């Protein structure tokens, strides 16, 4: 994972930052990653965060190109453990630092009430596209869960992306192949014009 090091501490350039600190520290790191991804060495001082540190004697360029990335803010719908201090609102970094609102939602622990509230407050309420950045079957074959999830996404104007968590290897418990009835249901759902096989302008690599 790419890191930008400062005094031995890293800022991971991935869609999420693990909630391993109080909300104030997490929001600061989130904003720093947003600036590093979007404008790199601009405006860090405007929000009270240190500039990028030099690791070598060469001078840093005064301006760096904007990175072609989108920032996804993706906490759990209502925190884990489900206590007030873990609620998503405490970790909201501000609209300026968020391109997509996302969350995780699995069949075993999914709370539809929490998911609906999260969508209404942070996607629709903040006018941001919504993504299920992780969803999946967990523990048992539940085609009804797959149908309900797709219905939830279809009925909401800001819902634009969902990513099944397939995990790694051939024996993990999340693989869709472990759930044949749900796999058939999923294939039927995505076999339509609504879900293109490839994103627009997807990168093509030469061999």
C-alpha atoms as a PDB file:
ATOM      1  CA  UNK A   1       0.000   0.000   0.000  1.00  0.00           C
ATOM      2  CA  UNK A   2       1.385   3.317  -1.046  1.00  0.00           C
ATOM      3  CA  UNK A   3       2.288   5.522   1.903  1.00  0.00           C
ATOM      4  CA  UNK A   4       3.407   9.079   2.387  1.00  0.00           C
ATOM      5  CA  UNK A   5       5.680   8.972   5.409  1.00  0.00           C
ATOM      6  CA  UNK A   6       6.014  11.688   8.002  1.00  0.00           C
ATOM      7  CA  UNK A   7       8.068  10.973  11.108  1.00  0.00           C
ATOM      8  CA  UNK A   8       7.442   7.274  10.782  1.00  0.00           C
ATOM      9  CA  UNK A   9       3.664   7.576  10.456  1.00  0.00           C
ATOM     10  CA  UNK A  10       1.820   6.790   7.247  1.00  0.00           C
ATOM     11  CA  UNK A  11      -1.181   8.085   5.393  1.00  0.00           C
ATOM     12  CA  UNK A  12      -2.639   5.250   3.338  1.00  0.00           C
ATOM     13  CA  UNK A  13      -3.869   6.130  -0.132  1.00  0.00           C
ATOM     14  CA  UNK A  14      -6.839   3.784  -0.199  1.00  0.00           C
ATOM     15  CA  UNK A  15     -10.608   4.422  -0.104  1.00  0.00           C
ATOM     16  CA  UNK A  16     -10.822   4.221   3.682  1.00  0.00           C
ATOM     17  CA  UNK A  17      -8.949   4.959   6.865  1.00  0.00           C
ATOM     18  CA  UNK A  18      -9.420   2.588   9.762  1.00  0.00           C
ATOM     19  CA  UNK A  19     -11.077   4.174  12.767  1.00  0.00           C
ATOM     20  CA  UNK A  20      -8.149   3.663  15.136  1.00  0.00           C
ATOM     21  CA  UNK A  21      -8.164   7.090  16.783  1.00  0.00           C
ATOM     22  CA  UNK A  22     -10.610   9.699  18.139  1.00  0.00           C
ATOM     23  CA  UNK A  23     -12.819  11.408  15.532  1.00  0.00           C
ATOM     24  CA  UNK A  24     -10.852  14.668  15.599  1.00  0.00           C
ATOM     25  CA  UNK A  25      -7.584  12.932  14.693  1.00  0.00           C
ATOM     26  CA  UNK A  26      -9.318  10.757  12.108  1.00  0.00           C
ATOM     27  CA  UNK A  27     -10.930  13.730  10.388  1.00  0.00           C
ATOM     28  CA  UNK A  28      -7.575  15.493  10.192  1.00  0.00           C
ATOM     29  CA  UNK A  29      -5.916  12.463   8.603  1.00  0.00           C
ATOM     30  CA  UNK A  30      -8.847  12.132   6.220  1.00  0.00           C
ATOM     31  CA  UNK A  31      -8.491  15.732   5.076  1.00  0.00           C
ATOM     32  CA  UNK A  32      -4.743  15.297   4.693  1.00  0.00           C
ATOM     33  CA  UNK A  33      -5.268  12.258   2.466  1.00  0.00           C
ATOM     34  CA  UNK A  34      -7.823  14.216   0.480  1.00  0.00           C
ATOM     35  CA  UNK A  35      -5.371  16.992  -0.196  1.00  0.00           C
ATOM     36  CA  UNK A  36      -2.537  14.598  -0.957  1.00  0.00           C
ATOM     37  CA  UNK A  37      -4.715  12.740  -3.448  1.00  0.00           C
ATOM     38  CA  UNK A  38      -6.186  15.811  -5.079  1.00  0.00           C
ATOM     39  CA  UNK A  39      -3.673  18.627  -4.895  1.00  0.00           C
ATOM     40  CA  UNK A  40      -0.724  17.068  -3.037  1.00  0.00           C
ATOM     41  CA  UNK A  41       1.284  20.008  -1.702  1.00  0.00           C
ATOM     42  CA  UNK A  42      -1.392  22.725  -1.799  1.00  0.00           C
ATOM     43  CA  UNK A  43      -3.394  24.145   1.058  1.00  0.00           C
ATOM     44  CA  UNK A  44      -2.234  21.733   3.768  1.00  0.00           C
ATOM     45  CA  UNK A  45      -1.245  24.715   5.872  1.00  0.00           C
ATOM     46  CA  UNK A  46      -4.705  26.270   5.388  1.00  0.00           C
ATOM     47  CA  UNK A  47      -6.248  23.566   7.574  1.00  0.00           C
ATOM     48  CA  UNK A  48      -3.430  23.385  10.083  1.00  0.00           C
ATOM     49  CA  UNK A  49      -1.712  20.255   8.774  1.00  0.00           C
ATOM     50  CA  UNK A  50       2.013  19.885   7.988  1.00  0.00           C
ATOM     51  CA  UNK A  51       3.246  20.040   4.424  1.00  0.00           C
ATOM     52  CA  UNK A  52       4.768  17.043   2.673  1.00  0.00           C
ATOM     53  CA  UNK A  53       8.198  16.348   4.125  1.00  0.00           C
ATOM     54  CA  UNK A  54      11.309  16.010   2.000  1.00  0.00           C
ATOM     55  CA  UNK A  55      12.941  12.582   2.222  1.00  0.00           C
ATOM     56  CA  UNK A  56      15.944  13.593   0.092  1.00  0.00           C
ATOM     57  CA  UNK A  57      17.943  16.736  -0.566  1.00  0.00           C
ATOM     58  CA  UNK A  58      16.177  17.505  -3.822  1.00  0.00           C
ATOM     59  CA  UNK A  59      13.647  20.313  -3.644  1.00  0.00           C
ATOM     60  CA  UNK A  60      10.003  19.451  -4.002  1.00  0.00           C
ATOM     61  CA  UNK A  61       8.219  20.994  -6.998  1.00  0.00           C
ATOM     62  CA  UNK A  62       6.141  24.041  -6.103  1.00  0.00           C
ATOM     63  CA  UNK A  63       3.099  22.583  -7.816  1.00  0.00           C
ATOM     64  CA  UNK A  64       2.137  18.999  -8.541  1.00  0.00           C
ATOM     65  CA  UNK A  65      -0.581  17.731 -10.886  1.00  0.00           C
ATOM     66  CA  UNK A  66      -3.976  16.819  -9.526  1.00  0.00           C
ATOM     67  CA  UNK A  67      -4.293  13.062  -9.104  1.00  0.00           C
ATOM     68  CA  UNK A  68      -7.155  11.441 -11.091  1.00  0.00           C
ATOM     69  CA  UNK A  69      -8.857   9.953  -8.047  1.00  0.00           C
ATOM     70  CA  UNK A  70     -12.146  10.168  -6.171  1.00  0.00           C
ATOM     71  CA  UNK A  71     -12.334  10.115  -2.381  1.00  0.00           C
ATOM     72  CA  UNK A  72     -14.738   7.587  -0.865  1.00  0.00           C
ATOM     73  CA  UNK A  73     -15.896   8.094   2.724  1.00  0.00           C
ATOM     74  CA  UNK A  74     -17.052   4.684   3.914  1.00  0.00           C
ATOM     75  CA  UNK A  75     -17.736   4.102   7.620  1.00  0.00           C
ATOM     76  CA  UNK A  76     -20.134   1.487   8.985  1.00  0.00           C
ATOM     77  CA  UNK A  77     -23.808   2.538   8.944  1.00  0.00           C
ATOM     78  CA  UNK A  78     -24.001   2.857  12.715  1.00  0.00           C
ATOM     79  CA  UNK A  79     -20.627   1.945  14.235  1.00  0.00           C
ATOM     80  CA  UNK A  80     -19.169  -1.236  15.697  1.00  0.00           C
ATOM     81  CA  UNK A  81     -19.671  -1.592  18.572  1.00  0.00           C
ATOM     82  CA  UNK A  82     -22.968   0.224  18.213  1.00  0.00           C
ATOM     83  CA  UNK A  83     -22.387   3.061  20.697  1.00  0.00           C
ATOM     84  CA  UNK A  84     -22.972   6.787  20.331  1.00  0.00           C
ATOM     85  CA  UNK A  85     -19.266   7.658  20.025  1.00  0.00           C
ATOM     86  CA  UNK A  86     -18.948   5.419  16.943  1.00  0.00           C
ATOM     87  CA  UNK A  87     -21.792   6.968  14.967  1.00  0.00           C
ATOM     88  CA  UNK A  88     -20.807   8.113  11.463  1.00  0.00           C
ATOM     89  CA  UNK A  89     -21.587  11.779  12.095  1.00  0.00           C
ATOM     90  CA  UNK A  90     -18.545  12.068  14.358  1.00  0.00           C
ATOM     91  CA  UNK A  91     -16.283  10.993  11.495  1.00  0.00           C
ATOM     92  CA  UNK A  92     -17.754  13.145   8.725  1.00  0.00           C
ATOM     93  CA  UNK A  93     -14.815  15.230   7.408  1.00  0.00           C
ATOM     94  CA  UNK A  94     -16.957  17.737   5.478  1.00  0.00           C
ATOM     95  CA  UNK A  95     -18.434  17.794   1.971  1.00  0.00           C
ATOM     96  CA  UNK A  96     -15.275  19.249   0.472  1.00  0.00           C
ATOM     97  CA  UNK A  97     -13.353  16.074   1.351  1.00  0.00           C
ATOM     98  CA  UNK A  98     -15.866  13.536   0.085  1.00  0.00           C
ATOM     99  CA  UNK A  99     -16.682  12.573  -3.519  1.00  0.00           C
ATOM    100  CA  UNK A 100     -18.600   9.378  -2.733  1.00  0.00           C
ATOM    101  CA  UNK A 101     -20.493   8.262   0.370  1.00  0.00           C
ATOM    102  CA  UNK A 102     -20.195   4.533   0.974  1.00  0.00           C
ATOM    103  CA  UNK A 103     -20.673   1.862   3.592  1.00  0.00           C
ATOM    104  CA  UNK A 104     -20.382  -1.897   4.213  1.00  0.00           C
ATOM    105  CA  UNK A 105     -23.436  -4.132   4.496  1.00  0.00           C
ATOM    106  CA  UNK A 106     -23.363  -7.905   5.017  1.00  0.00           C
ATOM    107  CA  UNK A 107     -26.178 -10.416   5.306  1.00  0.00           C
ATOM    108  CA  UNK A 108     -25.241 -11.584   8.816  1.00  0.00           C
ATOM    109  CA  UNK A 109     -25.131  -8.210  10.554  1.00  0.00           C
ATOM    110  CA  UNK A 110     -27.034  -5.987   8.156  1.00  0.00           C
ATOM    111  CA  UNK A 111     -29.477  -3.602   9.830  1.00  0.00           C
ATOM    112  CA  UNK A 112     -31.782  -2.179   7.166  1.00  0.00           C
ATOM    113  CA  UNK A 113     -32.982   0.625   9.413  1.00  0.00           C
ATOM    114  CA  UNK A 114     -29.406   1.827   9.936  1.00  0.00           C
ATOM    115  CA  UNK A 115     -28.640   1.534   6.216  1.00  0.00           C
ATOM    116  CA  UNK A 116     -31.680   3.582   5.208  1.00  0.00           C
ATOM    117  CA  UNK A 117     -30.865   6.282   7.743  1.00  0.00           C
ATOM    118  CA  UNK A 118     -27.202   6.395   6.662  1.00  0.00           C
ATOM    119  CA  UNK A 119     -28.196   6.803   3.011  1.00  0.00           C
ATOM    120  CA  UNK A 120     -30.743   9.527   3.777  1.00  0.00           C
ATOM    121  CA  UNK A 121     -28.415  11.573   5.980  1.00  0.00           C
ATOM    122  CA  UNK A 122     -25.081  11.280   4.173  1.00  0.00           C
ATOM    123  CA  UNK A 123     -25.775  10.476   0.503  1.00  0.00           C
ATOM    124  CA  UNK A 124     -29.098  12.137  -0.217  1.00  0.00           C
ATOM    125  CA  UNK A 125     -28.684  14.696   2.552  1.00  0.00           C
ATOM    126  CA  UNK A 126     -25.195  15.746   1.386  1.00  0.00           C
ATOM    127  CA  UNK A 127     -25.981  15.387  -2.339  1.00  0.00           C
ATOM    128  CA  UNK A 128     -23.303  12.720  -2.885  1.00  0.00           C
ATOM    129  CA  UNK A 129     -23.364   9.532  -4.981  1.00  0.00           C
ATOM    130  CA  UNK A 130     -23.803   6.421  -2.864  1.00  0.00           C
ATOM    131  CA  UNK A 131     -21.873   3.145  -3.008  1.00  0.00           C
ATOM    132  CA  UNK A 132     -21.992  -0.115  -1.133  1.00  0.00           C
ATOM    133  CA  UNK A 133     -18.228  -0.430  -0.961  1.00  0.00           C
ATOM    134  CA  UNK A 134     -18.533  -3.909   0.553  1.00  0.00           C
ATOM    135  CA  UNK A 135     -21.537  -6.196   0.567  1.00  0.00           C
ATOM    136  CA  UNK A 136     -21.804  -9.933   0.656  1.00  0.00           C
ATOM    137  CA  UNK A 137     -23.261 -13.175   1.898  1.00  0.00           C
ATOM    138  CA  UNK A 138     -22.045 -14.340   5.269  1.00  0.00           C
ATOM    139  CA  UNK A 139     -22.826 -17.706   6.817  1.00  0.00           C
ATOM    140  CA  UNK A 140     -25.761 -18.930   4.754  1.00  0.00           C
ATOM    141  CA  UNK A 141     -27.256 -18.827   1.289  1.00  0.00           C
ATOM    142  CA  UNK A 142     -29.787 -15.965   1.230  1.00  0.00           C
ATOM    143  CA  UNK A 143     -31.111 -15.093  -2.245  1.00  0.00           C
ATOM    144  CA  UNK A 144     -33.812 -12.955  -0.585  1.00  0.00           C
ATOM    145  CA  UNK A 145     -31.058 -10.736   0.836  1.00  0.00           C
ATOM    146  CA  UNK A 146     -29.598 -10.244  -2.653  1.00  0.00           C
ATOM    147  CA  UNK A 147     -33.017  -9.331  -4.061  1.00  0.00           C
ATOM    148  CA  UNK A 148     -33.715  -6.903  -1.231  1.00  0.00           C
ATOM    149  CA  UNK A 149     -30.306  -5.267  -1.612  1.00  0.00           C
ATOM    150  CA  UNK A 150     -30.766  -4.683  -5.335  1.00  0.00           C
ATOM    151  CA  UNK A 151     -34.262  -3.338  -4.704  1.00  0.00           C
ATOM    152  CA  UNK A 152     -32.843  -0.942  -2.131  1.00  0.00           C
ATOM    153  CA  UNK A 153     -30.275   0.351  -4.635  1.00  0.00           C
ATOM    154  CA  UNK A 154     -32.732   0.559  -7.523  1.00  0.00           C
ATOM    155  CA  UNK A 155     -35.216   2.643  -5.544  1.00  0.00           C
ATOM    156  CA  UNK A 156     -32.684   5.312  -4.530  1.00  0.00           C
ATOM    157  CA  UNK A 157     -31.592   8.025  -6.935  1.00  0.00           C
ATOM    158  CA  UNK A 158     -28.132   8.540  -5.418  1.00  0.00           C
ATOM    159  CA  UNK A 159     -27.229   4.830  -5.378  1.00  0.00           C
ATOM    160  CA  UNK A 160     -24.675   4.326  -8.169  1.00  0.00           C
ATOM    161  CA  UNK A 161     -22.266   1.538  -7.219  1.00  0.00           C
ATOM    162  CA  UNK A 162     -22.077  -1.721  -5.289  1.00  0.00           C
ATOM    163  CA  UNK A 163     -19.055  -3.965  -4.808  1.00  0.00           C
ATOM    164  CA  UNK A 164     -19.349  -7.592  -3.734  1.00  0.00           C
ATOM    165  CA  UNK A 165     -16.687  -8.577  -1.219  1.00  0.00           C
ATOM    166  CA  UNK A 166     -15.242 -11.742  -2.732  1.00  0.00           C
ATOM    167  CA  UNK A 167     -12.171 -11.811  -0.444  1.00  0.00           C
ATOM    168  CA  UNK A 168      -9.160 -13.884  -1.492  1.00  0.00           C
ATOM    169  CA  UNK A 169      -8.425 -17.560  -2.071  1.00  0.00           C
ATOM    170  CA  UNK A 170     -10.751 -20.464  -2.794  1.00  0.00           C
ATOM    171  CA  UNK A 171     -11.867 -21.334   0.740  1.00  0.00           C
ATOM    172  CA  UNK A 172     -12.925 -18.050   2.366  1.00  0.00           C
ATOM    173  CA  UNK A 173     -16.453 -17.762   3.711  1.00  0.00           C
ATOM    174  CA  UNK A 174     -17.544 -14.809   1.570  1.00  0.00           C
ATOM    175  CA  UNK A 175     -17.059 -16.268  -1.915  1.00  0.00           C
ATOM    176  CA  UNK A 176     -20.286 -16.023  -3.890  1.00  0.00           C
ATOM    177  CA  UNK A 177     -19.566 -19.538  -5.199  1.00  0.00           C
ATOM    178  CA  UNK A 178     -20.308 -20.822  -1.687  1.00  0.00           C
ATOM    179  CA  UNK A 179     -23.921 -19.769  -2.108  1.00  0.00           C
ATOM    180  CA  UNK A 180     -25.299 -21.268  -5.344  1.00  0.00           C
ATOM    181  CA  UNK A 181     -28.873 -19.948  -5.020  1.00  0.00           C
ATOM    182  CA  UNK A 182     -27.667 -16.421  -4.259  1.00  0.00           C
ATOM    183  CA  UNK A 183     -25.136 -16.642  -7.083  1.00  0.00           C
ATOM    184  CA  UNK A 184     -27.900 -17.476  -9.569  1.00  0.00           C
ATOM    185  CA  UNK A 185     -29.976 -14.590  -8.250  1.00  0.00           C
ATOM    186  CA  UNK A 186     -27.045 -12.204  -8.540  1.00  0.00           C
ATOM    187  CA  UNK A 187     -26.349 -13.261 -12.129  1.00  0.00           C
ATOM    188  CA  UNK A 188     -29.950 -12.550 -13.069  1.00  0.00           C
ATOM    189  CA  UNK A 189     -29.801  -9.121 -11.442  1.00  0.00           C
ATOM    190  CA  UNK A 190     -26.639  -7.970 -13.187  1.00  0.00           C
ATOM    191  CA  UNK A 191     -27.499  -9.469 -16.577  1.00  0.00           C
ATOM    192  CA  UNK A 192     -29.195  -6.309 -17.802  1.00  0.00           C
ATOM    193  CA  UNK A 193     -28.379  -3.059 -19.571  1.00  0.00           C
ATOM    194  CA  UNK A 194     -28.461  -1.302 -16.215  1.00  0.00           C
ATOM    195  CA  UNK A 195     -25.127  -2.933 -15.355  1.00  0.00           C
ATOM    196  CA  UNK A 196     -22.522  -2.534 -18.136  1.00  0.00           C
ATOM    197  CA  UNK A 197     -19.785  -5.132 -18.280  1.00  0.00           C
ATOM    198  CA  UNK A 198     -17.140  -2.414 -18.158  1.00  0.00           C
ATOM    199  CA  UNK A 199     -17.038   1.145 -16.876  1.00  0.00           C
ATOM    200  CA  UNK A 200     -16.903   3.962 -19.406  1.00  0.00           C
ATOM    201  CA  UNK A 201     -13.378   4.759 -20.566  1.00  0.00           C
ATOM    202  CA  UNK A 202     -11.907   1.925 -18.527  1.00  0.00           C
ATOM    203  CA  UNK A 203      -8.126   1.577 -18.937  1.00  0.00           C
ATOM    204  CA  UNK A 204      -6.852  -0.854 -21.535  1.00  0.00           C
ATOM    205  CA  UNK A 205      -3.413  -2.290 -20.958  1.00  0.00           C
ATOM    206  CA  UNK A 206      -1.114  -3.462 -23.692  1.00  0.00           C
ATOM    207  CA  UNK A 207       0.545  -6.818 -23.279  1.00  0.00           C
END
